[in-house]
Protein backbone atom coordinates (compact mmCIF):
# COMPACT_ATOMS: atom_id res chain seq x y z
CA UNK A 1 38.95 92.01 -70.06
CA UNK A 2 40.65 91.22 -73.44
CA UNK A 3 39.44 88.99 -76.22
CA UNK A 4 39.88 89.12 -80.20
CA UNK A 5 37.69 87.92 -82.83
CA UNK A 6 39.02 86.09 -85.57
CA UNK A 7 37.20 85.74 -88.70
CA UNK A 8 37.54 82.60 -90.57
CA UNK A 9 36.35 80.86 -93.68
CA UNK A 10 33.20 78.15 -93.92
CA UNK A 11 33.30 76.83 -96.79
CA UNK A 12 30.53 79.08 -98.01
CA UNK A 13 31.09 83.04 -98.93
CA UNK A 14 30.32 84.50 -95.46
CA UNK A 15 33.37 84.15 -92.95
CA UNK A 16 33.12 82.46 -89.69
CA UNK A 17 33.89 84.48 -86.03
CA UNK A 18 35.41 83.07 -83.43
CA UNK A 19 36.25 83.88 -79.90
CA UNK A 20 38.13 82.34 -76.69
CA UNK A 21 36.49 83.90 -73.70
CA UNK A 22 37.02 83.29 -69.54
CA UNK A 23 34.34 81.02 -68.33
CA UNK A 24 32.40 83.75 -66.51
CA UNK A 25 28.94 85.47 -66.38
CA UNK A 26 31.30 88.79 -67.66
CA UNK A 27 31.80 86.88 -70.92
CA UNK A 28 27.87 87.28 -72.35
CA UNK A 29 28.50 91.00 -73.04
CA UNK A 30 31.32 90.17 -76.05
CA UNK A 31 29.42 87.02 -77.03
CA UNK A 32 26.69 88.87 -77.94
CA UNK A 33 28.74 91.83 -78.91
CA UNK A 34 30.43 89.20 -81.86
CA UNK A 35 26.87 87.63 -82.65
CA UNK A 36 25.76 91.02 -83.37
CA UNK A 37 28.54 91.56 -85.33
CA UNK A 38 28.41 88.68 -87.64
CA UNK A 39 24.95 88.52 -88.24
CA UNK A 40 25.29 91.91 -89.28
CA UNK A 41 27.88 91.17 -91.45
CA UNK A 42 25.87 89.27 -92.97
CA UNK A 43 22.61 91.25 -93.20
CA UNK A 44 20.73 88.92 -90.83
CA UNK A 45 20.06 91.95 -88.44
CA UNK A 46 16.38 91.18 -88.21
CA UNK A 47 18.13 87.59 -86.16
CA UNK A 48 20.20 90.08 -83.72
CA UNK A 49 18.30 89.49 -81.20
CA UNK A 50 17.71 85.74 -81.31
CA UNK A 51 21.05 85.76 -81.46
CA UNK A 52 21.49 87.59 -78.73
CA UNK A 53 19.47 85.66 -76.48
CA UNK A 54 21.04 82.17 -77.77
CA UNK A 55 24.22 82.48 -77.03
CA UNK A 56 23.55 84.53 -73.77
CA UNK A 57 22.02 81.22 -72.49
CA UNK A 58 24.74 78.58 -74.00
CA UNK A 59 27.12 81.07 -72.54
CA UNK A 60 25.16 80.62 -69.61
CA UNK A 61 24.78 76.79 -68.81
CA UNK A 62 29.00 76.59 -70.01
CA UNK A 63 29.25 79.34 -66.92
CA UNK A 64 27.06 77.18 -64.66
CA UNK A 65 27.49 73.77 -65.14
CA UNK A 66 30.86 73.42 -66.01
CA UNK A 67 34.35 73.96 -64.09
CA UNK A 68 36.96 75.25 -67.46
CA UNK A 69 38.29 78.38 -67.63
CA UNK A 70 37.77 80.16 -70.96
CA UNK A 71 34.95 78.58 -73.22
CA UNK A 72 35.43 79.25 -76.96
CA UNK A 73 32.53 80.92 -79.46
CA UNK A 74 32.01 80.38 -82.65
CA UNK A 75 29.30 82.13 -85.04
CA UNK A 76 29.17 80.24 -88.48
CA UNK A 77 27.01 80.59 -91.73
CA UNK A 78 27.56 76.57 -93.12
CA UNK A 79 24.77 77.36 -95.85
CA UNK A 80 22.71 80.18 -96.62
CA UNK A 81 19.52 78.39 -95.21
CA UNK A 82 20.77 78.97 -91.58
CA UNK A 83 23.44 80.51 -89.32
CA UNK A 84 24.88 78.27 -85.95
CA UNK A 85 26.08 79.98 -83.11
CA UNK A 86 28.07 77.49 -80.70
CA UNK A 87 29.71 77.19 -77.39
CA UNK A 88 32.80 74.90 -76.58
CA UNK A 89 34.38 74.44 -73.36
CA UNK A 90 36.53 71.11 -71.67
CA UNK A 91 33.08 69.58 -70.07
CA UNK A 92 32.26 66.14 -71.39
CA UNK A 93 28.77 66.78 -69.09
CA UNK A 94 25.67 66.45 -72.02
CA UNK A 95 23.14 68.82 -71.37
CA UNK A 96 19.82 67.54 -70.75
CA UNK A 97 16.64 69.75 -71.96
CA UNK A 98 14.44 69.96 -68.64
CA UNK A 99 11.04 69.62 -69.37
CA UNK A 100 10.04 69.53 -65.06
CA UNK A 101 11.28 73.99 -64.48
CA UNK A 102 8.23 75.37 -62.83
CA UNK A 103 6.83 79.11 -62.61
CA UNK A 104 8.85 79.67 -59.07
CA UNK A 105 12.46 78.02 -60.33
CA UNK A 106 15.06 80.56 -60.98
CA UNK A 107 17.01 78.24 -63.12
CA UNK A 108 16.35 74.84 -65.59
CA UNK A 109 15.21 76.91 -68.59
CA UNK A 110 18.31 77.78 -70.88
CA UNK A 111 18.12 74.56 -73.12
CA UNK A 112 14.15 75.12 -73.14
CA UNK A 113 14.49 78.14 -74.42
CA UNK A 114 16.94 77.71 -77.09
CA UNK A 115 15.45 75.09 -78.08
CA UNK A 116 11.93 77.34 -78.85
CA UNK A 117 14.57 79.49 -80.75
CA UNK A 118 16.11 77.92 -83.24
CA UNK A 119 15.45 75.85 -85.92
CA UNK A 120 17.79 72.97 -84.23
CA UNK A 121 20.02 71.84 -81.74
CA UNK A 122 21.97 69.62 -80.54
CA UNK A 123 25.68 68.77 -78.86
CA UNK A 124 28.85 67.44 -80.17
CA UNK A 125 31.23 65.69 -77.84
CA UNK A 126 35.25 65.67 -78.34
CA UNK A 127 38.10 64.06 -77.18
CA UNK A 128 38.70 67.45 -75.23
CA UNK A 129 35.21 68.21 -74.62
CA UNK A 130 31.80 69.10 -76.40
CA UNK A 131 30.06 72.14 -78.31
CA UNK A 132 26.58 72.80 -78.08
CA UNK A 133 25.28 74.40 -80.61
CA UNK A 134 21.64 75.87 -82.23
CA UNK A 135 20.97 76.50 -85.62
CA UNK A 136 19.41 79.77 -86.96
CA UNK A 137 16.77 79.66 -89.52
CA UNK A 138 17.04 82.09 -92.27
CA UNK A 139 15.86 83.16 -95.99
CA UNK A 140 17.96 81.70 -98.82
CA UNK A 141 19.78 84.30 -100.74
CA UNK A 142 19.72 87.12 -97.58
C-alpha cells in the first residue's frame, strides 16, 4: 500500500498533516504512524499513545460502518491548546454514542473510548460525507 502524507499550514505555527488511506483495517498502522509523527513534530510525544488509540477507533468506525473506498485522516493543531485528529469518509451516517454495550459485547465501544480519551469530539457534515474528530488537550506553550 502506497500512501503519502502532506503537511499543510493550519493558521498556527504548526503544520497540519493529512493522509488518504484505503478503508481497510490495515490502514490503522499508517494512521497511527502519522498521528505519532505529527505529535512528535509538535513536541507532544506524551499524547502519542492516546492519539494512536483515538485514530484507531475513528478509523475502525469508518471501516466497520461505511462503504466508502477510502478515508481521509487529518491531524491538526488549530491552537496551542489542542490537537484535532479526524477521519473523513463519504458516508453521511452520523455516528451515535452507545451507552448499552455490555461486558460481553465485542463491538460498540469506539465512540465511548473516544469520548473518554478526548477533551471533546464531534461530527462535521459535508455535501460529500462527514468528518468525525476528537480533540486532545495540550498544555499551552508546548
